[in-house]
């Protein structure tokens, strides 16, 4: 599992309020996840192998093998 750091976002990452754009570690697809719309997290829409979850404090991304 990895977490986004607001102070050090990657090139294909963004975080604004309760919304985040993350990059799938398996296929590279960038997708958006929202704490409001995706309360249980959102799987990568391309491959379904990683899941991102947004809370007020953090964005966590689970990867295959976690």
Protein backbone atom coordinates (compact mmCIF):
# COMPACT_ATOMS: atom_id res chain seq x y z
CA UNK A 1 0.00 0.00 0.00
CA UNK A 2 1.23 3.47 -0.78
CA UNK A 3 -0.02 6.89 0.26
CA UNK A 4 -0.05 10.23 -1.53
CA UNK A 5 1.89 13.07 0.08
CA UNK A 6 0.29 16.48 -0.61
CA UNK A 7 3.71 18.13 -0.40
CA UNK A 8 5.32 15.74 -2.90
CA UNK A 9 2.79 14.67 -5.53
CA UNK A 10 4.08 12.72 -8.50
CA UNK A 11 3.80 13.77 -12.15
CA UNK A 12 0.58 11.78 -12.68
CA UNK A 13 -1.00 12.54 -9.28
CA UNK A 14 -3.21 15.30 -7.94
CA UNK A 15 -5.24 15.82 -4.79
CA UNK A 16 -7.86 18.51 -4.25
CA UNK A 17 -10.23 18.38 -1.30
CA UNK A 18 -11.81 14.93 -1.23
CA UNK A 19 -10.88 14.11 -4.83
CA UNK A 20 -7.67 12.63 -6.18
CA UNK A 21 -6.17 11.58 -9.49
CA UNK A 22 -3.86 8.58 -9.15
CA UNK A 23 -1.87 6.41 -11.49
CA UNK A 24 -2.40 2.65 -11.49
CA UNK A 25 0.86 0.90 -10.67
CA UNK A 26 -0.10 -2.09 -12.83
CA UNK A 27 -1.24 -0.57 -16.14
CA UNK A 28 -0.34 3.13 -15.80
CA UNK A 29 -3.91 4.42 -16.30
CA UNK A 30 -4.61 7.69 -14.48
CA UNK A 31 -8.05 7.68 -12.85
CA UNK A 32 -10.04 9.89 -10.50
CA UNK A 33 -11.40 8.80 -7.14
CA UNK A 34 -13.70 10.79 -4.87
CA UNK A 35 -14.47 10.34 -1.19
CA UNK A 36 -18.05 11.43 -1.88
CA UNK A 37 -18.77 9.20 -4.89
CA UNK A 38 -16.53 6.22 -4.07
CA UNK A 39 -16.96 5.69 -0.32
CA UNK A 40 -15.45 2.20 -0.47
CA UNK A 41 -12.73 3.24 -2.89
CA UNK A 42 -12.45 2.83 -6.64
CA UNK A 43 -10.69 0.13 -8.64
CA UNK A 44 -8.66 1.03 -11.69
CA UNK A 45 -11.21 1.24 -14.53
CA UNK A 46 -8.75 -0.27 -17.03
CA UNK A 47 -7.37 -3.34 -15.25
CA UNK A 48 -9.08 -3.45 -11.82
CA UNK A 49 -5.85 -4.46 -10.07
CA UNK A 50 -5.28 -1.46 -7.79
CA UNK A 51 -7.78 0.40 -5.60
CA UNK A 52 -7.62 4.00 -4.39
CA UNK A 53 -9.43 5.31 -1.31
CA UNK A 54 -9.74 8.99 -0.35
CA UNK A 55 -10.38 10.22 3.19
CA UNK A 56 -10.03 13.75 4.56
CA UNK A 57 -6.56 12.93 5.87
CA UNK A 58 -5.05 10.67 3.19
CA UNK A 59 -5.22 8.99 -0.17
CA UNK A 60 -4.20 5.32 -0.09
CA UNK A 61 -3.55 3.12 -3.09
CA UNK A 62 -3.54 -0.65 -2.70
CA UNK A 63 -1.52 -2.53 -5.27
CA UNK A 64 -1.53 -6.18 -6.36
CA UNK A 65 0.23 -8.26 -3.75
CA UNK A 66 -0.70 -5.98 -0.83
